[in-house]
Amino acid sequence: MAHERPLSPHLQVYRPQITSVLSILHRITGVALTAGLFFLMAWLLAGASGEAAYNSFQNFAGHPLVVIGLIGISFALFYHLCAGIRHLLMDGGLFFTIPEIYKSGYTMIVAATILTVAFWAAYIF
């Protein structure tokens, strides 16, 4: 018996929904936070190794590409935080209708973005 369409949703025909994208992004930000933890450990080790090592690391951390990476890691932190709070609220019985799920997902993205901008604005100014 020949089928003209796939039996399961393949990547070629599957249209990602916000819920699946947010779920995958939650996992990706968890991995990014692990990378950020290694960066933090390297910074602490450089500080413990002496002034020359610390200054060398500070020069490295000031490179524009590294700063962009740090901004990305800080967004990952705030996104992961907001997603965790959203999951706790969902565990408590909130956000179970489709419109609420979508609204809370978009709210989470906006909140993470605002927190990231506020963090870096406070750091710069």
PDB file of N, CA and C in Angstrom:
ATOM      1  N   MET A   1       0.828  -1.157   0.000  1.00  0.00           N
ATOM      2  CA  MET A   1       0.000   0.000   0.000  1.00  0.00           C
ATOM      3  C   MET A   1       0.894   1.251   0.000  1.00  0.00           C
ATOM      4  N   ALA A   2       0.813   2.034  -1.033  1.00  0.00           N
ATOM      5  CA  ALA A   2       1.633   3.230  -1.186  1.00  0.00           C
ATOM      6  C   ALA A   2       0.942   4.429  -0.542  1.00  0.00           C
ATOM      7  N   HIS A   3       1.714   5.159   0.234  1.00  0.00           N
ATOM      8  CA  HIS A   3       1.199   6.375   0.867  1.00  0.00           C
ATOM      9  C   HIS A   3       1.776   7.580   0.142  1.00  0.00           C
ATOM     10  N   GLU A   4       0.942   8.565  -0.097  1.00  0.00           N
ATOM     11  CA  GLU A   4       1.412   9.763  -0.778  1.00  0.00           C
ATOM     12  C   GLU A   4       1.909  10.828   0.188  1.00  0.00           C
ATOM     13  N   ARG A   5       1.676  10.642   1.451  1.00  0.00           N
ATOM     14  CA  ARG A   5       2.136  11.614   2.436  1.00  0.00           C
ATOM     15  C   ARG A   5       2.846  10.867   3.562  1.00  0.00           C
ATOM     16  N   PRO A   6       3.700  11.560   4.277  1.00  0.00           N
ATOM     17  CA  PRO A   6       4.427  10.892   5.362  1.00  0.00           C
ATOM     18  C   PRO A   6       3.479  10.436   6.474  1.00  0.00           C
ATOM     19  N   LEU A   7       3.875   9.379   7.152  1.00  0.00           N
ATOM     20  CA  LEU A   7       3.062   8.861   8.245  1.00  0.00           C
ATOM     21  C   LEU A   7       3.263   9.654   9.532  1.00  0.00           C
ATOM     22  N   SER A   8       4.376  10.329   9.650  1.00  0.00           N
ATOM     23  CA  SER A   8       4.644  11.140  10.833  1.00  0.00           C
ATOM     24  C   SER A   8       5.157  12.506  10.380  1.00  0.00           C
ATOM     25  N   PRO A   9       5.110  13.504  11.256  1.00  0.00           N
ATOM     26  CA  PRO A   9       5.550  14.842  10.836  1.00  0.00           C
ATOM     27  C   PRO A   9       7.060  14.912  10.616  1.00  0.00           C
ATOM     28  N   HIS A  10       7.458  14.949   9.380  1.00  0.00           N
ATOM     29  CA  HIS A  10       8.866  15.065   9.036  1.00  0.00           C
ATOM     30  C   HIS A  10       9.261  16.539   9.007  1.00  0.00           C
ATOM     31  N   LEU A  11      10.549  16.801   9.083  1.00  0.00           N
ATOM     32  CA  LEU A  11      11.020  18.180   9.102  1.00  0.00           C
ATOM     33  C   LEU A  11      10.667  18.937   7.829  1.00  0.00           C
ATOM     34  N   GLN A  12      10.507  18.218   6.724  1.00  0.00           N
ATOM     35  CA  GLN A  12      10.185  18.886   5.470  1.00  0.00           C
ATOM     36  C   GLN A  12       8.765  19.444   5.466  1.00  0.00           C
ATOM     37  N   VAL A  13       7.869  18.845   6.218  1.00  0.00           N
ATOM     38  CA  VAL A  13       6.469  19.273   6.185  1.00  0.00           C
ATOM     39  C   VAL A  13       6.012  19.864   7.513  1.00  0.00           C
ATOM     40  N   TYR A  14       6.811  19.753   8.549  1.00  0.00           N
ATOM     41  CA  TYR A  14       6.409  20.221   9.865  1.00  0.00           C
ATOM     42  C   TYR A  14       6.690  21.712  10.002  1.00  0.00           C
ATOM     43  N   ARG A  15       5.697  22.462  10.412  1.00  0.00           N
ATOM     44  CA  ARG A  15       5.862  23.894  10.651  1.00  0.00           C
ATOM     45  C   ARG A  15       6.032  24.109  12.155  1.00  0.00           C
ATOM     46  N   PRO A  16       7.192  24.587  12.590  1.00  0.00           N
ATOM     47  CA  PRO A  16       7.417  24.758  14.028  1.00  0.00           C
ATOM     48  C   PRO A  16       6.410  25.728  14.644  1.00  0.00           C
ATOM     49  N   GLN A  17       5.951  25.387  15.826  1.00  0.00           N
ATOM     50  CA  GLN A  17       5.050  26.251  16.577  1.00  0.00           C
ATOM     51  C   GLN A  17       5.860  26.965  17.642  1.00  0.00           C
ATOM     52  N   ILE A  18       5.298  28.033  18.176  1.00  0.00           N
ATOM     53  CA  ILE A  18       6.045  28.790  19.185  1.00  0.00           C
ATOM     54  C   ILE A  18       6.374  27.922  20.392  1.00  0.00           C
ATOM     55  N   THR A  19       5.494  27.011  20.737  1.00  0.00           N
ATOM     56  CA  THR A  19       5.751  26.161  21.899  1.00  0.00           C
ATOM     57  C   THR A  19       6.964  25.267  21.679  1.00  0.00           C
ATOM     58  N   SER A  20       7.088  24.710  20.490  1.00  0.00           N
ATOM     59  CA  SER A  20       8.244  23.846  20.217  1.00  0.00           C
ATOM     60  C   SER A  20       9.526  24.666  20.109  1.00  0.00           C
ATOM     61  N   VAL A  21       9.439  25.850  19.519  1.00  0.00           N
ATOM     62  CA  VAL A  21      10.619  26.708  19.397  1.00  0.00           C
ATOM     63  C   VAL A  21      11.097  27.154  20.780  1.00  0.00           C
ATOM     64  N   LEU A  22      10.155  27.539  21.649  1.00  0.00           N
ATOM     65  CA  LEU A  22      10.527  27.963  22.998  1.00  0.00           C
ATOM     66  C   LEU A  22      11.121  26.811  23.798  1.00  0.00           C
ATOM     67  N   SER A  23      10.605  25.618  23.599  1.00  0.00           N
ATOM     68  CA  SER A  23      11.131  24.450  24.298  1.00  0.00           C
ATOM     69  C   SER A  23      12.563  24.152  23.866  1.00  0.00           C
ATOM     70  N   ILE A  24      12.806  24.197  22.572  1.00  0.00           N
ATOM     71  CA  ILE A  24      14.155  23.959  22.060  1.00  0.00           C
ATOM     72  C   ILE A  24      15.093  25.073  22.517  1.00  0.00           C
ATOM     73  N   LEU A  25      14.606  26.314  22.494  1.00  0.00           N
ATOM     74  CA  LEU A  25      15.422  27.442  22.935  1.00  0.00           C
ATOM     75  C   LEU A  25      15.762  27.331  24.423  1.00  0.00           C
ATOM     76  N   HIS A  26      14.852  26.775  25.206  1.00  0.00           N
ATOM     77  CA  HIS A  26      15.123  26.564  26.633  1.00  0.00           C
ATOM     78  C   HIS A  26      16.303  25.605  26.808  1.00  0.00           C
ATOM     79  N   ARG A  27      16.345  24.567  26.002  1.00  0.00           N
ATOM     80  CA  ARG A  27      17.460  23.619  26.078  1.00  0.00           C
ATOM     81  C   ARG A  27      18.763  24.251  25.585  1.00  0.00           C
ATOM     82  N   ILE A  28      18.675  25.025  24.514  1.00  0.00           N
ATOM     83  CA  ILE A  28      19.867  25.683  23.973  1.00  0.00           C
ATOM     84  C   ILE A  28      20.433  26.677  24.980  1.00  0.00           C
ATOM     85  N   THR A  29      19.561  27.426  25.652  1.00  0.00           N
ATOM     86  CA  THR A  29      20.056  28.384  26.641  1.00  0.00           C
ATOM     87  C   THR A  29      20.693  27.670  27.830  1.00  0.00           C
ATOM     88  N   GLY A  30      20.213  26.483  28.150  1.00  0.00           N
ATOM     89  CA  GLY A  30      20.859  25.706  29.209  1.00  0.00           C
ATOM     90  C   GLY A  30      22.283  25.340  28.843  1.00  0.00           C
ATOM     91  N   VAL A  31      22.494  24.966  27.593  1.00  0.00           N
ATOM     92  CA  VAL A  31      23.850  24.657  27.115  1.00  0.00           C
ATOM     93  C   VAL A  31      24.705  25.925  27.103  1.00  0.00           C
ATOM     94  N   ALA A  32      24.122  27.047  26.677  1.00  0.00           N
ATOM     95  CA  ALA A  32      24.859  28.315  26.660  1.00  0.00           C
ATOM     96  C   ALA A  32      25.264  28.733  28.070  1.00  0.00           C
ATOM     97  N   LEU A  33      24.404  28.474  29.035  1.00  0.00           N
ATOM     98  CA  LEU A  33      24.751  28.804  30.420  1.00  0.00           C
ATOM     99  C   LEU A  33      25.914  27.955  30.919  1.00  0.00           C
ATOM    100  N   THR A  34      25.999  26.732  30.453  1.00  0.00           N
ATOM    101  CA  THR A  34      27.137  25.888  30.808  1.00  0.00           C
ATOM    102  C   THR A  34      28.424  26.470  30.227  1.00  0.00           C
ATOM    103  N   ALA A  35      28.370  26.927  28.983  1.00  0.00           N
ATOM    104  CA  ALA A  35      29.537  27.577  28.378  1.00  0.00           C
ATOM    105  C   ALA A  35      29.890  28.842  29.151  1.00  0.00           C
ATOM    106  N   GLY A  36      28.887  29.589  29.565  1.00  0.00           N
ATOM    107  CA  GLY A  36      29.123  30.791  30.359  1.00  0.00           C
ATOM    108  C   GLY A  36      29.756  30.476  31.703  1.00  0.00           C
ATOM    109  N   LEU A  37      29.400  29.341  32.271  1.00  0.00           N
ATOM    110  CA  LEU A  37      29.994  28.927  33.541  1.00  0.00           C
ATOM    111  C   LEU A  37      31.489  28.656  33.373  1.00  0.00           C
ATOM    112  N   PHE A  38      31.872  28.047  32.264  1.00  0.00           N
ATOM    113  CA  PHE A  38      33.295  27.817  32.003  1.00  0.00           C
ATOM    114  C   PHE A  38      34.035  29.144  31.820  1.00  0.00           C
ATOM    115  N   PHE A  39      33.385  30.105  31.169  1.00  0.00           N
ATOM    116  CA  PHE A  39      33.980  31.432  31.009  1.00  0.00           C
ATOM    117  C   PHE A  39      34.168  32.084  32.379  1.00  0.00           C
ATOM    118  N   LEU A  40      33.170  31.977  33.241  1.00  0.00           N
ATOM    119  CA  LEU A  40      33.257  32.535  34.588  1.00  0.00           C
ATOM    120  C   LEU A  40      34.374  31.864  35.388  1.00  0.00           C
ATOM    121  N   MET A  41      34.496  30.554  35.256  1.00  0.00           N
ATOM    122  CA  MET A  41      35.564  29.836  35.962  1.00  0.00           C
ATOM    123  C   MET A  41      36.937  30.287  35.467  1.00  0.00           C
ATOM    124  N   ALA A  42      37.076  30.503  34.161  1.00  0.00           N
ATOM    125  CA  ALA A  42      38.350  30.972  33.613  1.00  0.00           C
ATOM    126  C   ALA A  42      38.675  32.365  34.146  1.00  0.00           C
ATOM    127  N   TRP A  43      37.668  33.216  34.264  1.00  0.00           N
ATOM    128  CA  TRP A  43      37.863  34.559  34.797  1.00  0.00           C
ATOM    129  C   TRP A  43      38.324  34.501  36.258  1.00  0.00           C
ATOM    130  N   LEU A  44      37.674  33.643  37.045  1.00  0.00           N
ATOM    131  CA  LEU A  44      38.056  33.496  38.451  1.00  0.00           C
ATOM    132  C   LEU A  44      39.461  32.913  38.593  1.00  0.00           C
ATOM    133  N   LEU A  45      39.785  31.938  37.753  1.00  0.00           N
ATOM    134  CA  LEU A  45      41.137  31.363  37.792  1.00  0.00           C
ATOM    135  C   LEU A  45      42.190  32.389  37.389  1.00  0.00           C
ATOM    136  N   ALA A  46      41.869  33.227  36.415  1.00  0.00           N
ATOM    137  CA  ALA A  46      42.807  34.273  36.011  1.00  0.00           C
ATOM    138  C   ALA A  46      43.020  35.254  37.156  1.00  0.00           C
ATOM    139  N   GLY A  47      41.950  35.582  37.865  1.00  0.00           N
ATOM    140  CA  GLY A  47      42.085  36.479  39.011  1.00  0.00           C
ATOM    141  C   GLY A  47      42.907  35.864  40.128  1.00  0.00           C
ATOM    142  N   ALA A  48      42.760  34.569  40.327  1.00  0.00           N
ATOM    143  CA  ALA A  48      43.511  33.881  41.380  1.00  0.00           C
ATOM    144  C   ALA A  48      44.966  33.646  40.980  1.00  0.00           C
ATOM    145  N   SER A  49      45.256  33.688  39.681  1.00  0.00           N
ATOM    146  CA  SER A  49      46.612  33.406  39.201  1.00  0.00           C
ATOM    147  C   SER A  49      47.535  34.609  39.286  1.00  0.00           C
ATOM    148  N   GLY A  50      46.987  35.771  39.475  1.00  0.00           N
ATOM    149  CA  GLY A  50      47.830  36.957  39.588  1.00  0.00           C
ATOM    150  C   GLY A  50      47.339  38.086  38.707  1.00  0.00           C
ATOM    151  N   GLU A  51      47.964  39.234  38.927  1.00  0.00           N
ATOM    152  CA  GLU A  51      47.532  40.444  38.234  1.00  0.00           C
ATOM    153  C   GLU A  51      47.759  40.366  36.726  1.00  0.00           C
ATOM    154  N   ALA A  52      48.871  39.796  36.303  1.00  0.00           N
ATOM    155  CA  ALA A  52      49.168  39.715  34.867  1.00  0.00           C
ATOM    156  C   ALA A  52      48.146  38.839  34.147  1.00  0.00           C
ATOM    157  N   ALA A  53      47.823  37.690  34.730  1.00  0.00           N
ATOM    158  CA  ALA A  53      46.835  36.794  34.112  1.00  0.00           C
ATOM    159  C   ALA A  53      45.457  37.445  34.090  1.00  0.00           C
ATOM    160  N   TYR A  54      45.115  38.144  35.174  1.00  0.00           N
ATOM    161  CA  TYR A  54      43.813  38.805  35.238  1.00  0.00           C
ATOM    162  C   TYR A  54      43.712  39.912  34.193  1.00  0.00           C
ATOM    163  N   ASN A  55      44.755  40.727  34.068  1.00  0.00           N
ATOM    164  CA  ASN A  55      44.750  41.800  33.068  1.00  0.00           C
ATOM    165  C   ASN A  55      44.680  41.233  31.654  1.00  0.00           C
ATOM    166  N   SER A  56      45.383  40.144  31.420  1.00  0.00           N
ATOM    167  CA  SER A  56      45.333  39.497  30.107  1.00  0.00           C
ATOM    168  C   SER A  56      43.919  39.011  29.801  1.00  0.00           C
ATOM    169  N   PHE A  57      43.279  38.413  30.792  1.00  0.00           N
ATOM    170  CA  PHE A  57      41.908  37.931  30.590  1.00  0.00           C
ATOM    171  C   PHE A  57      40.947  39.098  30.385  1.00  0.00           C
ATOM    172  N   GLN A  58      41.137  40.183  31.112  1.00  0.00           N
ATOM    173  CA  GLN A  58      40.276  41.355  30.953  1.00  0.00           C
ATOM    174  C   GLN A  58      40.414  41.940  29.538  1.00  0.00           C
ATOM    175  N   ASN A  59      41.635  41.945  29.005  1.00  0.00           N
ATOM    176  CA  ASN A  59      41.834  42.406  27.629  1.00  0.00           C
ATOM    177  C   ASN A  59      41.096  41.502  26.648  1.00  0.00           C
ATOM    178  N   PHE A  60      41.177  40.193  26.886  1.00  0.00           N
ATOM    179  CA  PHE A  60      40.453  39.242  26.038  1.00  0.00           C
ATOM    180  C   PHE A  60      38.947  39.461  26.143  1.00  0.00           C
ATOM    181  N   ALA A  61      38.447  39.641  27.352  1.00  0.00           N
ATOM    182  CA  ALA A  61      37.008  39.798  27.574  1.00  0.00           C
ATOM    183  C   ALA A  61      36.477  41.106  27.004  1.00  0.00           C
ATOM    184  N   GLY A  62      37.348  42.065  26.758  1.00  0.00           N
ATOM    185  CA  GLY A  62      36.916  43.334  26.193  1.00  0.00           C
ATOM    186  C   GLY A  62      36.788  43.329  24.680  1.00  0.00           C
ATOM    187  N   HIS A  63      37.201  42.256  24.031  1.00  0.00           N
ATOM    188  CA  HIS A  63      37.087  42.163  22.570  1.00  0.00           C
ATOM    189  C   HIS A  63      35.611  42.203  22.181  1.00  0.00           C
ATOM    190  N   PRO A  64      35.265  42.928  21.107  1.00  0.00           N
ATOM    191  CA  PRO A  64      33.849  43.068  20.730  1.00  0.00           C
ATOM    192  C   PRO A  64      33.118  41.741  20.509  1.00  0.00           C
ATOM    193  N   LEU A  65      33.778  40.752  19.932  1.00  0.00           N
ATOM    194  CA  LEU A  65      33.108  39.462  19.725  1.00  0.00           C
ATOM    195  C   LEU A  65      32.829  38.758  21.052  1.00  0.00           C
ATOM    196  N   VAL A  66      33.739  38.909  21.997  1.00  0.00           N
ATOM    197  CA  VAL A  66      33.530  38.306  23.314  1.00  0.00           C
ATOM    198  C   VAL A  66      32.392  39.018  24.034  1.00  0.00           C
ATOM    199  N   VAL A  67      32.329  40.336  23.899  1.00  0.00           N
ATOM    200  CA  VAL A  67      31.235  41.100  24.519  1.00  0.00           C
ATOM    201  C   VAL A  67      29.893  40.672  23.928  1.00  0.00           C
ATOM    202  N   ILE A  68      29.844  40.456  22.627  1.00  0.00           N
ATOM    203  CA  ILE A  68      28.606  39.970  22.001  1.00  0.00           C
ATOM    204  C   ILE A  68      28.241  38.598  22.574  1.00  0.00           C
ATOM    205  N   GLY A  69      29.241  37.754  22.749  1.00  0.00           N
ATOM    206  CA  GLY A  69      28.991  36.450  23.365  1.00  0.00           C
ATOM    207  C   GLY A  69      28.482  36.579  24.791  1.00  0.00           C
ATOM    208  N   LEU A  70      29.038  37.524  25.543  1.00  0.00           N
ATOM    209  CA  LEU A  70      28.579  37.746  26.917  1.00  0.00           C
ATOM    210  C   LEU A  70      27.144  38.269  26.950  1.00  0.00           C
ATOM    211  N   ILE A  71      26.808  39.112  25.993  1.00  0.00           N
ATOM    212  CA  ILE A  71      25.419  39.579  25.896  1.00  0.00           C
ATOM    213  C   ILE A  71      24.506  38.395  25.597  1.00  0.00           C
ATOM    214  N   GLY A  72      24.946  37.513  24.701  1.00  0.00           N
ATOM    215  CA  GLY A  72      24.160  36.314  24.395  1.00  0.00           C
ATOM    216  C   GLY A  72      23.998  35.410  25.605  1.00  0.00           C
ATOM    217  N   ILE A  73      25.055  35.253  26.385  1.00  0.00           N
ATOM    218  CA  ILE A  73      24.974  34.412  27.579  1.00  0.00           C
ATOM    219  C   ILE A  73      24.068  35.054  28.627  1.00  0.00           C
ATOM    220  N   SER A  74      24.118  36.387  28.732  1.00  0.00           N
ATOM    221  CA  SER A  74      23.219  37.037  29.692  1.00  0.00           C
ATOM    222  C   SER A  74      21.767  36.912  29.235  1.00  0.00           C
ATOM    223  N   PHE A  75      21.515  36.978  27.923  1.00  0.00           N
ATOM    224  CA  PHE A  75      20.153  36.730  27.442  1.00  0.00           C
ATOM    225  C   PHE A  75      19.739  35.297  27.761  1.00  0.00           C
ATOM    226  N   ALA A  76      20.666  34.363  27.582  1.00  0.00           N
ATOM    227  CA  ALA A  76      20.362  32.962  27.902  1.00  0.00           C
ATOM    228  C   ALA A  76      19.992  32.812  29.369  1.00  0.00           C
ATOM    229  N   LEU A  77      20.706  33.519  30.242  1.00  0.00           N
ATOM    230  CA  LEU A  77      20.402  33.461  31.668  1.00  0.00           C
ATOM    231  C   LEU A  77      18.991  33.972  31.949  1.00  0.00           C
ATOM    232  N   PHE A  78      18.662  35.135  31.409  1.00  0.00           N
ATOM    233  CA  PHE A  78      17.349  35.716  31.683  1.00  0.00           C
ATOM    234  C   PHE A  78      16.231  34.935  30.993  1.00  0.00           C
ATOM    235  N   TYR A  79      16.501  34.412  29.807  1.00  0.00           N
ATOM    236  CA  TYR A  79      15.492  33.591  29.134  1.00  0.00           C
ATOM    237  C   TYR A  79      15.233  32.321  29.937  1.00  0.00           C
ATOM    238  N   HIS A  80      16.301  31.683  30.376  1.00  0.00           N
ATOM    239  CA  HIS A  80      16.170  30.443  31.139  1.00  0.00           C
ATOM    240  C   HIS A  80      15.430  30.706  32.454  1.00  0.00           C
ATOM    241  N   LEU A  81      15.709  31.840  33.075  1.00  0.00           N
ATOM    242  CA  LEU A  81      15.014  32.227  34.297  1.00  0.00           C
ATOM    243  C   LEU A  81      13.522  32.416  34.037  1.00  0.00           C
ATOM    244  N   CYS A  82      13.194  33.176  32.995  1.00  0.00           N
ATOM    245  CA  CYS A  82      11.780  33.423  32.665  1.00  0.00           C
ATOM    246  C   CYS A  82      11.073  32.129  32.269  1.00  0.00           C
ATOM    247  N   ALA A  83      11.752  31.271  31.536  1.00  0.00           N
ATOM    248  CA  ALA A  83      11.147  29.993  31.145  1.00  0.00           C
ATOM    249  C   ALA A  83      10.916  29.117  32.368  1.00  0.00           C
ATOM    250  N   GLY A  84      11.842  29.147  33.310  1.00  0.00           N
ATOM    251  CA  GLY A  84      11.666  28.379  34.537  1.00  0.00           C
ATOM    252  C   GLY A  84      10.484  28.872  35.347  1.00  0.00           C
ATOM    253  N   ILE A  85      10.332  30.184  35.440  1.00  0.00           N
ATOM    254  CA  ILE A  85       9.179  30.751  36.151  1.00  0.00           C
ATOM    255  C   ILE A  85       7.888  30.375  35.438  1.00  0.00           C
ATOM    256  N   ARG A  86       7.908  30.433  34.111  1.00  0.00           N
ATOM    257  CA  ARG A  86       6.717  30.055  33.335  1.00  0.00           C
ATOM    258  C   ARG A  86       6.356  28.593  33.586  1.00  0.00           C
ATOM    259  N   HIS A  87       7.360  27.732  33.622  1.00  0.00           N
ATOM    260  CA  HIS A  87       7.096  26.315  33.884  1.00  0.00           C
ATOM    261  C   HIS A  87       6.531  26.108  35.284  1.00  0.00           C
ATOM    262  N   LEU A  88       7.045  26.846  36.262  1.00  0.00           N
ATOM    263  CA  LEU A  88       6.505  26.740  37.616  1.00  0.00           C
ATOM    264  C   LEU A  88       5.045  27.177  37.664  1.00  0.00           C
ATOM    265  N   LEU A  89       4.726  28.257  36.961  1.00  0.00           N
ATOM    266  CA  LEU A  89       3.335  28.714  36.913  1.00  0.00           C
ATOM    267  C   LEU A  89       2.447  27.691  36.213  1.00  0.00           C
ATOM    268  N   MET A  90       2.977  27.073  35.159  1.00  0.00           N
ATOM    269  CA  MET A  90       2.200  26.042  34.468  1.00  0.00           C
ATOM    270  C   MET A  90       2.016  24.816  35.363  1.00  0.00           C
ATOM    271  N   ASP A  91       3.026  24.490  36.156  1.00  0.00           N
ATOM    272  CA  ASP A  91       2.886  23.384  37.110  1.00  0.00           C
ATOM    273  C   ASP A  91       1.822  23.691  38.154  1.00  0.00           C
ATOM    274  N   GLY A  92       1.623  24.987  38.421  1.00  0.00           N
ATOM    275  CA  GLY A  92       0.599  25.403  39.370  1.00  0.00           C
ATOM    276  C   GLY A  92      -0.790  25.486  38.777  1.00  0.00           C
ATOM    277  N   GLY A  93      -0.926  25.170  37.498  1.00  0.00           N
ATOM    278  CA  GLY A  93      -2.239  25.129  36.871  1.00  0.00           C
ATOM    279  C   GLY A  93      -2.595  26.341  36.040  1.00  0.00           C
ATOM    280  N   LEU A  94      -1.637  27.215  35.765  1.00  0.00           N
ATOM    281  CA  LEU A  94      -1.912  28.396  34.949  1.00  0.00           C
ATOM    282  C   LEU A  94      -1.485  28.161  33.501  1.00  0.00           C
ATOM    283  N   PHE A  95      -2.004  28.972  32.615  1.00  0.00           N
ATOM    284  CA  PHE A  95      -1.603  28.995  31.198  1.00  0.00           C
ATOM    285  C   PHE A  95      -1.864  27.676  30.479  1.00  0.00           C
ATOM    286  N   PHE A  96      -3.065  27.157  30.583  1.00  0.00           N
ATOM    287  CA  PHE A  96      -3.369  25.889  29.921  1.00  0.00           C
ATOM    288  C   PHE A  96      -4.187  26.035  28.646  1.00  0.00           C
ATOM    289  N   THR A  97      -4.729  27.209  28.381  1.00  0.00           N
ATOM    290  CA  THR A  97      -5.442  27.384  27.118  1.00  0.00           C
ATOM    291  C   THR A  97      -4.435  27.821  26.059  1.00  0.00           C
ATOM    292  N   ILE A  98      -4.754  27.559  24.824  1.00  0.00           N
ATOM    293  CA  ILE A  98      -3.825  27.898  23.733  1.00  0.00           C
ATOM    294  C   ILE A  98      -3.504  29.394  23.711  1.00  0.00           C
ATOM    295  N   PRO A  99      -4.492  30.290  23.812  1.00  0.00           N
ATOM    296  CA  PRO A  99      -4.131  31.719  23.819  1.00  0.00           C
ATOM    297  C   PRO A  99      -3.223  32.101  24.994  1.00  0.00           C
ATOM    298  N   GLU A 100      -3.453  31.501  26.164  1.00  0.00           N
ATOM    299  CA  GLU A 100      -2.598  31.792  27.322  1.00  0.00           C
ATOM    300  C   GLU A 100      -1.184  31.269  27.114  1.00  0.00           C
ATOM    301  N   ILE A 101      -1.068  30.119  26.492  1.00  0.00           N
ATOM    302  CA  ILE A 101       0.256  29.545  26.225  1.00  0.00           C
ATOM    303  C   ILE A 101       1.043  30.456  25.289  1.00  0.00           C
ATOM    304  N   TYR A 102       0.391  30.923  24.236  1.00  0.00           N
ATOM    305  CA  TYR A 102       1.066  31.807  23.284  1.00  0.00           C
ATOM    306  C   TYR A 102       1.413  33.142  23.936  1.00  0.00           C
ATOM    307  N   LYS A 103       0.470  33.699  24.701  1.00  0.00           N
ATOM    308  CA  LYS A 103       0.707  34.987  25.350  1.00  0.00           C
ATOM    309  C   LYS A 103       1.846  34.884  26.359  1.00  0.00           C
ATOM    310  N   SER A 104       1.869  33.824  27.146  1.00  0.00           N
ATOM    311  CA  SER A 104       2.947  33.671  28.127  1.00  0.00           C
ATOM    312  C   SER A 104       4.294  33.438  27.440  1.00  0.00           C
ATOM    313  N   GLY A 105       4.282  32.768  26.301  1.00  0.00           N
ATOM    314  CA  GLY A 105       5.525  32.559  25.556  1.00  0.00           C
ATOM    315  C   GLY A 105       6.099  33.858  25.023  1.00  0.00           C
ATOM    316  N   TYR A 106       5.245  34.674  24.407  1.00  0.00           N
ATOM    317  CA  TYR A 106       5.713  35.969  23.903  1.00  0.00           C
ATOM    318  C   TYR A 106       6.121  36.884  25.055  1.00  0.00           C
ATOM    319  N   THR A 107       5.378  36.837  26.151  1.00  0.00           N
ATOM    320  CA  THR A 107       5.722  37.646  27.323  1.00  0.00           C
ATOM    321  C   THR A 107       7.088  37.253  27.862  1.00  0.00           C
ATOM    322  N   MET A 108       7.370  35.969  27.851  1.00  0.00           N
ATOM    323  CA  MET A 108       8.651  35.475  28.334  1.00  0.00           C
ATOM    324  C   MET A 108       9.798  36.003  27.466  1.00  0.00           C
ATOM    325  N   ILE A 109       9.625  36.011  26.167  1.00  0.00           N
ATOM    326  CA  ILE A 109      10.662  36.519  25.266  1.00  0.00           C
ATOM    327  C   ILE A 109      10.891  38.008  25.503  1.00  0.00           C
ATOM    328  N   VAL A 110       9.800  38.758  25.612  1.00  0.00           N
ATOM    329  CA  VAL A 110       9.906  40.202  25.848  1.00  0.00           C
ATOM    330  C   VAL A 110      10.569  40.471  27.199  1.00  0.00           C
ATOM    331  N   ALA A 111      10.166  39.730  28.230  1.00  0.00           N
ATOM    332  CA  ALA A 111      10.746  39.928  29.560  1.00  0.00           C
ATOM    333  C   ALA A 111      12.244  39.629  29.559  1.00  0.00           C
ATOM    334  N   ALA A 112      12.650  38.562  28.902  1.00  0.00           N
ATOM    335  CA  ALA A 112      14.075  38.219  28.842  1.00  0.00           C
ATOM    336  C   ALA A 112      14.862  39.297  28.103  1.00  0.00           C
ATOM    337  N   THR A 113      14.282  39.834  27.045  1.00  0.00           N
ATOM    338  CA  THR A 113      14.944  40.897  26.288  1.00  0.00           C
ATOM    339  C   THR A 113      15.071  42.160  27.131  1.00  0.00           C
ATOM    340  N   ILE A 114      13.997  42.538  27.814  1.00  0.00           N
ATOM    341  CA  ILE A 114      14.031  43.736  28.664  1.00  0.00           C
ATOM    342  C   ILE A 114      15.046  43.565  29.791  1.00  0.00           C
ATOM    343  N   LEU A 115      15.063  42.402  30.417  1.00  0.00           N
ATOM    344  CA  LEU A 115      16.023  42.155  31.495  1.00  0.00           C
ATOM    345  C   LEU A 115      17.463  42.213  30.993  1.00  0.00           C
ATOM    346  N   THR A 116      17.709  41.684  29.795  1.00  0.00           N
ATOM    347  CA  THR A 116      19.058  41.726  29.228  1.00  0.00           C
ATOM    348  C   THR A 116      19.484  43.158  28.944  1.00  0.00           C
ATOM    349  N   VAL A 117      18.594  43.929  28.325  1.00  0.00           N
ATOM    350  CA  VAL A 117      18.911  45.333  28.019  1.00  0.00           C
ATOM    351  C   VAL A 117      19.126  46.116  29.311  1.00  0.00           C
ATOM    352  N   ALA A 118      18.281  45.893  30.308  1.00  0.00           N
ATOM    353  CA  ALA A 118      18.425  46.602  31.583  1.00  0.00           C
ATOM    354  C   ALA A 118      19.734  46.228  32.276  1.00  0.00           C
ATOM    355  N   PHE A 119      20.094  44.961  32.219  1.00  0.00           N
ATOM    356  CA  PHE A 119      21.347  44.511  32.833  1.00  0.00           C
ATOM    357  C   PHE A 119      22.541  45.201  32.196  1.00  0.00           C
ATOM    358  N   TRP A 120      22.587  45.201  30.860  1.00  0.00           N
ATOM    359  CA  TRP A 120      23.730  45.800  30.184  1.00  0.00           C
ATOM    360  C   TRP A 120      23.716  47.316  30.281  1.00  0.00           C
ATOM    361  N   ALA A 121      22.533  47.919  30.338  1.00  0.00           N
ATOM    362  CA  ALA A 121      22.463  49.368  30.541  1.00  0.00           C
ATOM    363  C   ALA A 121      23.003  49.725  31.923  1.00  0.00           C
ATOM    364  N   ALA A 122      22.666  48.929  32.929  1.00  0.00           N
ATOM    365  CA  ALA A 122      23.185  49.169  34.278  1.00  0.00           C
ATOM    366  C   ALA A 122      24.694  48.941  34.324  1.00  0.00           C
ATOM    367  N   TYR A 123      25.184  47.982  33.570  1.00  0.00           N
ATOM    368  CA  TYR A 123      26.621  47.697  33.545  1.00  0.00           C
ATOM    369  C   TYR A 123      27.393  48.824  32.860  1.00  0.00           C
ATOM    370  N   ILE A 124      26.848  49.322  31.764  1.00  0.00           N
ATOM    371  CA  ILE A 124      27.548  50.348  30.986  1.00  0.00           C
ATOM    372  C   ILE A 124      27.473  51.709  31.668  1.00  0.00           C
ATOM    373  N   PHE A 125      26.300  52.025  32.195  1.00  0.00           N
ATOM    374  CA  PHE A 125      26.117  53.354  32.792  1.00  0.00           C
ATOM    375  C   PHE A 125      26.213  53.210  34.266  1.00  0.00           C
TER     376      PHE A 125
END
